[in-house]
């Protein structure tokens, strides 16, 4: 995979529209990313409040999640912290931006994808679902329609 792929605006719009209409992000090829087919579950804390962005008419948000792991001796005294980049699209992005804040403990399920940026291979997780971790939070679930419109003021 080379780092010189630049999708045209039309293909980017079509690509993001396909994500919104797909039942499962694994059904959608994420150019220029390499899909792994590997589903992961992350439990960690948001490092910043999600910001909803809308470009080409499709809302999305990028999250950073800190995941603590016990150290090599099995204790938390020598813990390590891993930072993961997570991307959410469409109504999931809208609901995440409206519901979660920096420091919130979250549970994320999604597919690992790889891409190249300036010659460096990077991975991210394309979220299938994101929610508060109920071990440390409570939640008041409110159902929304599947393609809720962004609330004015929360889209940049």
N, C-alpha and C. Protein backbone atom coordinates (compact mmCIF):
# COMPACT_ATOMS: atom_id res chain seq x y z
N UNK A 1 0.86 -1.17 0.00
CA UNK A 1 0.00 0.00 0.00
C UNK A 1 0.89 1.22 0.00
N UNK A 2 0.62 2.18 -0.87
CA UNK A 2 1.43 3.39 -0.92
C UNK A 2 0.67 4.53 -0.29
N UNK A 3 1.43 5.57 0.11
CA UNK A 3 0.82 6.70 0.77
C UNK A 3 0.36 7.78 -0.19
N UNK A 4 0.39 7.50 -1.52
CA UNK A 4 0.05 8.55 -2.47
C UNK A 4 -1.40 8.50 -2.95
N UNK A 5 -2.24 7.69 -2.35
CA UNK A 5 -3.65 7.61 -2.73
C UNK A 5 -4.40 8.81 -2.19
N UNK A 6 -5.07 9.53 -3.08
CA UNK A 6 -5.92 10.64 -2.66
C UNK A 6 -7.28 10.45 -3.33
N UNK A 7 -8.32 10.14 -2.56
CA UNK A 7 -9.62 9.93 -3.18
C UNK A 7 -10.19 11.24 -3.70
N UNK A 8 -10.89 11.15 -4.81
CA UNK A 8 -11.55 12.35 -5.33
C UNK A 8 -12.70 12.71 -4.40
N UNK A 9 -13.14 13.99 -4.39
CA UNK A 9 -14.26 14.35 -3.53
C UNK A 9 -15.50 13.50 -3.79
N UNK A 10 -15.73 13.16 -5.07
CA UNK A 10 -16.91 12.35 -5.39
C UNK A 10 -16.79 10.97 -4.76
N UNK A 11 -15.60 10.32 -4.88
CA UNK A 11 -15.47 8.98 -4.32
C UNK A 11 -15.51 9.02 -2.79
N UNK A 12 -14.97 10.09 -2.18
CA UNK A 12 -15.03 10.21 -0.72
C UNK A 12 -16.48 10.35 -0.27
N UNK A 13 -17.27 11.16 -0.98
CA UNK A 13 -18.68 11.32 -0.64
C UNK A 13 -19.43 10.01 -0.79
N UNK A 14 -19.18 9.32 -1.90
CA UNK A 14 -19.83 8.02 -2.12
C UNK A 14 -19.42 7.03 -1.03
N UNK A 15 -18.16 7.05 -0.69
CA UNK A 15 -17.63 6.14 0.34
C UNK A 15 -18.32 6.40 1.68
N UNK A 16 -18.39 7.64 2.12
CA UNK A 16 -19.00 7.95 3.40
C UNK A 16 -20.51 7.71 3.37
N UNK A 17 -21.15 7.97 2.24
CA UNK A 17 -22.58 7.67 2.12
C UNK A 17 -22.83 6.18 2.26
N UNK A 18 -21.92 5.38 1.69
CA UNK A 18 -22.06 3.94 1.81
C UNK A 18 -21.95 3.49 3.26
N UNK A 19 -21.08 4.13 4.01
CA UNK A 19 -20.93 3.78 5.43
C UNK A 19 -22.24 4.05 6.17
N UNK A 20 -22.87 5.19 5.86
CA UNK A 20 -24.12 5.52 6.53
C UNK A 20 -25.22 4.53 6.23
N UNK A 21 -25.25 4.02 5.00
CA UNK A 21 -26.33 3.13 4.61
C UNK A 21 -26.02 1.67 4.86
N UNK A 22 -24.78 1.33 5.13
CA UNK A 22 -24.42 -0.07 5.36
C UNK A 22 -24.95 -0.53 6.71
N UNK A 23 -25.35 -1.78 6.77
CA UNK A 23 -25.79 -2.33 8.05
C UNK A 23 -24.60 -2.60 8.95
N UNK A 24 -23.46 -2.82 8.36
CA UNK A 24 -22.27 -3.19 9.12
C UNK A 24 -21.07 -2.56 8.45
N UNK A 25 -20.23 -1.83 9.20
CA UNK A 25 -19.08 -1.19 8.57
C UNK A 25 -18.14 -2.20 7.96
N UNK A 26 -18.18 -3.44 8.41
CA UNK A 26 -17.34 -4.47 7.81
C UNK A 26 -17.77 -4.77 6.37
N UNK A 27 -18.98 -4.39 6.00
CA UNK A 27 -19.45 -4.61 4.64
C UNK A 27 -18.95 -3.55 3.67
N UNK A 28 -18.28 -2.54 4.19
CA UNK A 28 -17.86 -1.41 3.36
C UNK A 28 -16.35 -1.36 3.31
N UNK A 29 -15.79 -1.31 2.11
CA UNK A 29 -14.35 -1.15 1.96
C UNK A 29 -13.99 0.27 2.31
N UNK A 30 -13.02 0.47 3.15
CA UNK A 30 -12.66 1.79 3.62
C UNK A 30 -11.38 2.27 2.93
N UNK A 31 -11.47 2.76 1.69
CA UNK A 31 -10.24 3.20 1.02
C UNK A 31 -9.70 4.44 1.69
N UNK A 32 -8.40 4.63 1.77
CA UNK A 32 -7.35 3.71 1.33
C UNK A 32 -6.96 2.70 2.40
N UNK A 33 -7.76 2.56 3.41
CA UNK A 33 -7.42 1.66 4.52
C UNK A 33 -7.47 0.21 4.09
N UNK A 34 -6.70 -0.59 4.78
CA UNK A 34 -6.74 -2.03 4.59
C UNK A 34 -7.60 -2.61 5.69
N UNK A 35 -8.69 -3.25 5.31
CA UNK A 35 -9.54 -3.90 6.31
C UNK A 35 -8.87 -5.17 6.78
N UNK A 36 -8.99 -5.45 8.06
CA UNK A 36 -8.40 -6.66 8.62
C UNK A 36 -9.45 -7.73 8.87
N UNK A 37 -10.71 -7.31 9.00
CA UNK A 37 -11.75 -8.26 9.38
C UNK A 37 -11.69 -8.60 10.86
N UNK A 38 -10.74 -8.02 11.56
CA UNK A 38 -10.56 -8.30 12.99
C UNK A 38 -11.41 -7.35 13.81
N UNK A 39 -12.34 -7.92 14.58
CA UNK A 39 -13.18 -7.12 15.46
C UNK A 39 -12.52 -7.06 16.83
N UNK A 40 -12.49 -5.87 17.39
CA UNK A 40 -11.88 -5.69 18.71
C UNK A 40 -12.89 -5.03 19.64
N UNK A 41 -12.68 -5.24 20.93
CA UNK A 41 -13.46 -4.55 21.95
C UNK A 41 -12.46 -3.81 22.83
N UNK A 42 -12.72 -2.53 23.03
CA UNK A 42 -11.87 -1.70 23.88
C UNK A 42 -12.69 -1.18 25.05
N UNK A 43 -12.10 -1.16 26.22
CA UNK A 43 -12.70 -0.53 27.39
C UNK A 43 -11.66 0.44 27.92
N UNK A 44 -12.00 1.72 27.88
CA UNK A 44 -11.04 2.73 28.31
C UNK A 44 -11.71 4.07 28.53
N UNK A 45 -10.89 5.11 28.69
CA UNK A 45 -11.40 6.45 28.95
C UNK A 45 -11.13 7.36 27.77
N UNK A 46 -12.12 8.21 27.46
CA UNK A 46 -11.93 9.20 26.40
C UNK A 46 -10.91 10.23 26.86
N UNK A 47 -9.96 10.55 26.00
CA UNK A 47 -8.93 11.52 26.36
C UNK A 47 -9.38 12.95 26.09
N UNK A 48 -10.45 13.12 25.32
CA UNK A 48 -11.02 14.45 25.02
C UNK A 48 -12.49 14.26 24.68
N UNK A 49 -13.26 15.32 24.80
CA UNK A 49 -14.67 15.25 24.42
C UNK A 49 -14.77 15.08 22.90
N UNK A 50 -15.67 14.21 22.44
CA UNK A 50 -15.82 14.02 20.99
C UNK A 50 -16.32 15.29 20.32
N UNK A 51 -15.74 15.61 19.18
CA UNK A 51 -16.19 16.74 18.38
C UNK A 51 -16.80 16.21 17.10
N UNK A 52 -18.03 16.59 16.87
CA UNK A 52 -18.73 16.17 15.67
C UNK A 52 -18.31 17.07 14.52
N UNK A 53 -17.89 16.48 13.42
CA UNK A 53 -17.46 17.21 12.24
C UNK A 53 -18.31 16.73 11.08
N UNK A 54 -18.69 17.62 10.20
CA UNK A 54 -19.45 17.23 9.02
C UNK A 54 -18.77 17.81 7.79
N UNK A 55 -18.18 16.91 7.01
CA UNK A 55 -17.58 17.30 5.74
C UNK A 55 -18.23 16.44 4.67
N UNK A 56 -18.46 17.01 3.53
CA UNK A 56 -19.15 16.34 2.43
C UNK A 56 -20.51 15.80 2.86
N UNK A 57 -21.13 16.44 3.86
CA UNK A 57 -22.48 16.07 4.25
C UNK A 57 -22.60 14.87 5.15
N UNK A 58 -21.47 14.29 5.59
CA UNK A 58 -21.53 13.10 6.43
C UNK A 58 -20.90 13.40 7.78
N UNK A 59 -21.66 13.26 8.88
CA UNK A 59 -21.08 13.51 10.20
C UNK A 59 -20.15 12.38 10.63
N UNK A 60 -19.05 12.78 11.26
CA UNK A 60 -18.15 11.79 11.83
C UNK A 60 -17.44 12.40 13.03
N UNK A 61 -16.87 11.56 13.86
CA UNK A 61 -16.02 12.04 14.94
C UNK A 61 -14.88 11.06 15.13
N UNK A 62 -13.76 11.62 15.53
CA UNK A 62 -12.56 10.84 15.82
C UNK A 62 -12.32 10.94 17.32
N UNK A 63 -12.08 9.79 17.95
CA UNK A 63 -11.89 9.72 19.40
C UNK A 63 -10.51 9.16 19.72
N UNK A 64 -9.97 9.55 20.84
CA UNK A 64 -8.77 8.91 21.38
C UNK A 64 -9.20 8.26 22.70
N UNK A 65 -8.84 7.00 22.84
CA UNK A 65 -9.24 6.23 24.01
C UNK A 65 -7.98 5.69 24.69
N UNK A 66 -7.86 5.95 25.98
CA UNK A 66 -6.75 5.43 26.78
C UNK A 66 -7.21 4.14 27.46
N UNK A 67 -6.48 3.06 27.21
CA UNK A 67 -6.80 1.76 27.79
C UNK A 67 -5.66 1.35 28.72
N UNK A 68 -5.97 1.13 29.98
CA UNK A 68 -4.97 0.70 30.96
C UNK A 68 -4.90 -0.81 30.99
N UNK A 69 -3.68 -1.33 31.02
CA UNK A 69 -3.44 -2.77 31.10
C UNK A 69 -2.54 -3.04 32.31
N UNK A 70 -2.76 -4.17 32.99
CA UNK A 70 -1.86 -4.50 34.09
C UNK A 70 -0.44 -4.72 33.56
N UNK A 71 0.54 -4.50 34.41
CA UNK A 71 1.93 -4.67 34.01
C UNK A 71 2.29 -6.12 33.78
N UNK A 72 3.54 -6.34 33.38
CA UNK A 72 4.01 -7.69 33.08
C UNK A 72 3.97 -8.61 34.30
N UNK A 73 3.98 -8.00 35.49
CA UNK A 73 3.90 -8.81 36.70
C UNK A 73 2.44 -9.09 37.12
N UNK A 74 1.50 -8.62 36.30
CA UNK A 74 0.09 -8.88 36.58
C UNK A 74 -0.54 -7.91 37.56
N UNK A 75 0.20 -6.91 38.01
CA UNK A 75 -0.35 -5.95 38.96
C UNK A 75 -0.57 -4.60 38.28
N UNK A 76 -1.38 -3.79 38.93
CA UNK A 76 -1.65 -2.45 38.41
C UNK A 76 -0.56 -1.46 38.78
N UNK A 77 0.35 -1.87 39.68
CA UNK A 77 1.45 -0.98 40.07
C UNK A 77 2.35 -0.67 38.89
N UNK A 78 2.46 -1.62 37.98
CA UNK A 78 3.33 -1.45 36.81
C UNK A 78 2.50 -1.38 35.52
N UNK A 79 1.32 -0.77 35.61
CA UNK A 79 0.41 -0.74 34.46
C UNK A 79 1.02 0.00 33.27
N UNK A 80 0.49 -0.33 32.10
CA UNK A 80 0.83 0.40 30.89
C UNK A 80 -0.47 0.99 30.34
N UNK A 81 -0.34 2.08 29.62
CA UNK A 81 -1.51 2.72 29.02
C UNK A 81 -1.31 2.74 27.51
N UNK A 82 -2.31 2.23 26.79
CA UNK A 82 -2.30 2.24 25.33
C UNK A 82 -3.31 3.28 24.86
N UNK A 83 -2.97 4.01 23.81
CA UNK A 83 -3.87 5.00 23.24
C UNK A 83 -4.31 4.53 21.87
N UNK A 84 -5.63 4.51 21.65
CA UNK A 84 -6.21 4.03 20.40
C UNK A 84 -7.01 5.14 19.73
N UNK A 85 -6.93 5.18 18.40
CA UNK A 85 -7.74 6.11 17.62
C UNK A 85 -8.97 5.36 17.14
N UNK A 86 -10.14 5.96 17.38
CA UNK A 86 -11.42 5.35 17.00
C UNK A 86 -12.18 6.36 16.14
N UNK A 87 -12.81 5.88 15.08
CA UNK A 87 -13.60 6.74 14.20
C UNK A 87 -15.04 6.23 14.18
N UNK A 88 -15.99 7.16 14.29
CA UNK A 88 -17.42 6.81 14.21
C UNK A 88 -18.05 7.66 13.12
N UNK A 89 -19.01 7.11 12.40
CA UNK A 89 -19.68 7.80 11.31
C UNK A 89 -21.19 7.85 11.54
N UNK A 90 -21.83 8.80 10.90
CA UNK A 90 -23.29 8.87 10.83
C UNK A 90 -23.95 9.09 12.17
N UNK A 91 -25.06 8.37 12.37
CA UNK A 91 -25.84 8.55 13.60
C UNK A 91 -25.05 8.14 14.84
N UNK A 92 -24.13 7.19 14.69
CA UNK A 92 -23.29 6.81 15.84
C UNK A 92 -22.44 8.01 16.26
N UNK A 93 -21.85 8.71 15.30
CA UNK A 93 -21.03 9.89 15.61
C UNK A 93 -21.87 10.97 16.28
N UNK A 94 -23.07 11.20 15.77
CA UNK A 94 -23.96 12.22 16.34
C UNK A 94 -24.29 11.89 17.79
N UNK A 95 -24.65 10.63 18.04
CA UNK A 95 -25.04 10.22 19.39
C UNK A 95 -23.85 10.23 20.36
N UNK A 96 -22.67 9.84 19.88
CA UNK A 96 -21.48 9.87 20.72
C UNK A 96 -21.16 11.30 21.13
N UNK A 97 -21.17 12.22 20.16
CA UNK A 97 -20.86 13.63 20.46
C UNK A 97 -21.87 14.23 21.43
N UNK A 98 -23.12 13.81 21.35
CA UNK A 98 -24.15 14.36 22.22
C UNK A 98 -24.14 13.72 23.62
N UNK A 99 -23.53 12.54 23.75
CA UNK A 99 -23.67 11.78 24.99
C UNK A 99 -22.41 11.67 25.85
N UNK A 100 -21.24 11.69 25.23
CA UNK A 100 -20.02 11.38 25.97
C UNK A 100 -19.10 12.57 26.08
N UNK A 101 -18.28 12.59 27.13
CA UNK A 101 -17.35 13.69 27.41
C UNK A 101 -15.98 13.14 27.79
N UNK A 102 -15.01 14.02 27.80
CA UNK A 102 -13.65 13.67 28.19
C UNK A 102 -13.64 12.98 29.54
N UNK A 103 -12.89 11.90 29.66
CA UNK A 103 -12.79 11.17 30.92
C UNK A 103 -13.82 10.07 31.09
N UNK A 104 -14.88 10.08 30.27
CA UNK A 104 -15.90 9.03 30.40
C UNK A 104 -15.30 7.66 30.08
N UNK A 105 -15.68 6.69 30.87
CA UNK A 105 -15.29 5.29 30.62
C UNK A 105 -16.23 4.75 29.58
N UNK A 106 -15.68 4.16 28.50
CA UNK A 106 -16.50 3.70 27.38
C UNK A 106 -16.14 2.27 26.99
N UNK A 107 -17.09 1.63 26.32
CA UNK A 107 -16.90 0.32 25.72
C UNK A 107 -17.09 0.51 24.22
N UNK A 108 -16.13 0.06 23.44
CA UNK A 108 -16.16 0.25 21.99
C UNK A 108 -15.95 -1.09 21.30
N UNK A 109 -16.76 -1.36 20.30
CA UNK A 109 -16.56 -2.53 19.44
C UNK A 109 -16.41 -2.01 18.02
N UNK A 110 -15.45 -2.55 17.28
CA UNK A 110 -15.26 -2.11 15.91
C UNK A 110 -14.23 -2.94 15.19
N UNK A 111 -13.95 -2.54 13.95
CA UNK A 111 -13.01 -3.27 13.11
C UNK A 111 -11.71 -2.50 13.00
N UNK A 112 -10.60 -3.22 13.11
CA UNK A 112 -9.29 -2.62 12.97
C UNK A 112 -9.00 -2.41 11.48
N UNK A 113 -8.54 -1.21 11.13
CA UNK A 113 -8.13 -0.92 9.75
C UNK A 113 -6.73 -0.32 9.78
N UNK A 114 -5.99 -0.52 8.70
CA UNK A 114 -4.65 0.04 8.57
C UNK A 114 -4.62 0.98 7.38
N UNK A 115 -3.82 2.04 7.50
CA UNK A 115 -3.61 2.96 6.38
C UNK A 115 -2.21 3.53 6.50
N UNK A 116 -1.78 4.19 5.44
CA UNK A 116 -0.47 4.84 5.47
C UNK A 116 -0.65 6.33 5.45
N UNK A 117 0.15 7.02 6.23
CA UNK A 117 0.13 8.48 6.27
C UNK A 117 1.57 8.93 6.32
N UNK A 118 1.98 9.67 5.31
CA UNK A 118 3.35 10.17 5.20
C UNK A 118 4.36 9.04 5.39
N UNK A 119 4.10 7.92 4.73
CA UNK A 119 5.01 6.78 4.76
C UNK A 119 4.97 5.94 6.01
N UNK A 120 4.11 6.27 6.95
CA UNK A 120 4.02 5.53 8.20
C UNK A 120 2.72 4.73 8.23
N UNK A 121 2.82 3.46 8.54
CA UNK A 121 1.62 2.61 8.63
C UNK A 121 0.97 2.82 9.99
N UNK A 122 -0.33 3.13 9.97
CA UNK A 122 -1.09 3.39 11.20
C UNK A 122 -2.35 2.56 11.22
N UNK A 123 -2.86 2.34 12.40
CA UNK A 123 -4.12 1.62 12.52
C UNK A 123 -5.14 2.51 13.22
N UNK A 124 -6.40 2.19 13.01
CA UNK A 124 -7.48 2.82 13.75
C UNK A 124 -8.59 1.79 13.86
N UNK A 125 -9.57 2.11 14.69
CA UNK A 125 -10.73 1.24 14.87
C UNK A 125 -11.94 1.98 14.32
N UNK A 126 -12.63 1.38 13.36
CA UNK A 126 -13.88 1.93 12.85
C UNK A 126 -14.98 1.36 13.72
N UNK A 127 -15.61 2.24 14.50
CA UNK A 127 -16.55 1.80 15.52
C UNK A 127 -17.84 1.27 14.92
N UNK A 128 -18.25 0.16 15.45
CA UNK A 128 -19.55 -0.43 15.15
C UNK A 128 -20.54 -0.01 16.23
N UNK A 129 -20.03 0.14 17.44
CA UNK A 129 -20.86 0.56 18.56
C UNK A 129 -20.00 1.17 19.65
N UNK A 130 -20.54 2.17 20.33
CA UNK A 130 -19.85 2.84 21.44
C UNK A 130 -20.87 3.12 22.52
N UNK A 131 -20.51 2.87 23.75
CA UNK A 131 -21.43 3.17 24.84
C UNK A 131 -20.68 3.42 26.13
N UNK A 132 -21.37 3.97 27.13
CA UNK A 132 -20.73 4.17 28.42
C UNK A 132 -20.51 2.83 29.11
N UNK A 133 -19.43 2.72 29.84
CA UNK A 133 -19.16 1.52 30.63
C UNK A 133 -20.02 1.61 31.89
N UNK A 134 -20.95 0.70 32.05
CA UNK A 134 -21.88 0.77 33.17
C UNK A 134 -21.29 0.28 34.48
N UNK A 135 -20.04 -0.13 34.45
CA UNK A 135 -19.36 -0.47 35.69
C UNK A 135 -19.06 0.80 36.49
N UNK A 136 -18.83 1.91 35.78
CA UNK A 136 -18.46 3.16 36.43
C UNK A 136 -19.44 4.30 36.15
N UNK A 137 -20.45 4.07 35.34
CA UNK A 137 -21.42 5.10 34.96
C UNK A 137 -22.83 4.53 35.05
N UNK A 138 -23.79 5.42 35.02
CA UNK A 138 -25.18 5.01 34.80
C UNK A 138 -25.59 5.64 33.48
N UNK A 139 -26.65 5.13 32.89
CA UNK A 139 -27.09 5.67 31.61
C UNK A 139 -28.60 5.76 31.58
N UNK A 140 -29.09 6.80 30.95
CA UNK A 140 -30.51 6.98 30.70
C UNK A 140 -30.68 6.85 29.19
N UNK A 141 -31.05 5.68 28.73
CA UNK A 141 -31.11 5.40 27.29
C UNK A 141 -32.32 6.07 26.68
N UNK A 142 -32.08 6.82 25.62
CA UNK A 142 -33.14 7.47 24.86
C UNK A 142 -32.98 7.06 23.40
N UNK A 143 -33.99 6.43 22.86
CA UNK A 143 -33.91 5.98 21.46
C UNK A 143 -34.05 7.16 20.51
N UNK A 144 -33.27 7.09 19.42
CA UNK A 144 -33.37 8.10 18.37
C UNK A 144 -33.67 7.36 17.08
N UNK A 145 -34.10 8.11 16.05
CA UNK A 145 -34.26 7.44 14.76
C UNK A 145 -32.87 7.16 14.21
N UNK A 146 -32.76 6.25 13.27
CA UNK A 146 -31.47 5.76 12.79
C UNK A 146 -30.62 6.83 12.11
N UNK A 147 -31.23 7.84 11.51
CA UNK A 147 -30.47 8.85 10.79
C UNK A 147 -30.83 10.23 11.33
N UNK A 148 -30.65 10.41 12.62
CA UNK A 148 -30.98 11.68 13.26
C UNK A 148 -30.15 12.81 12.68
N UNK A 149 -30.78 13.95 12.49
CA UNK A 149 -30.08 15.12 11.99
C UNK A 149 -29.25 15.73 13.11
N UNK A 150 -28.07 16.27 12.77
CA UNK A 150 -27.26 16.91 13.80
C UNK A 150 -28.00 18.09 14.42
N UNK A 151 -27.78 18.29 15.70
CA UNK A 151 -28.33 19.45 16.38
C UNK A 151 -27.50 20.66 16.05
N UNK A 152 -28.15 21.76 15.68
CA UNK A 152 -27.39 22.95 15.32
C UNK A 152 -26.52 23.37 16.51
N UNK A 153 -25.27 23.64 16.21
CA UNK A 153 -24.36 24.06 17.26
C UNK A 153 -23.37 22.96 17.67
N UNK A 154 -23.66 21.68 17.34
CA UNK A 154 -22.71 20.66 17.72
C UNK A 154 -21.95 20.11 16.52
N UNK A 155 -22.12 20.72 15.35
CA UNK A 155 -21.40 20.31 14.15
C UNK A 155 -20.46 21.42 13.75
N UNK A 156 -19.18 21.08 13.55
CA UNK A 156 -18.19 22.08 13.13
C UNK A 156 -18.02 22.04 11.65
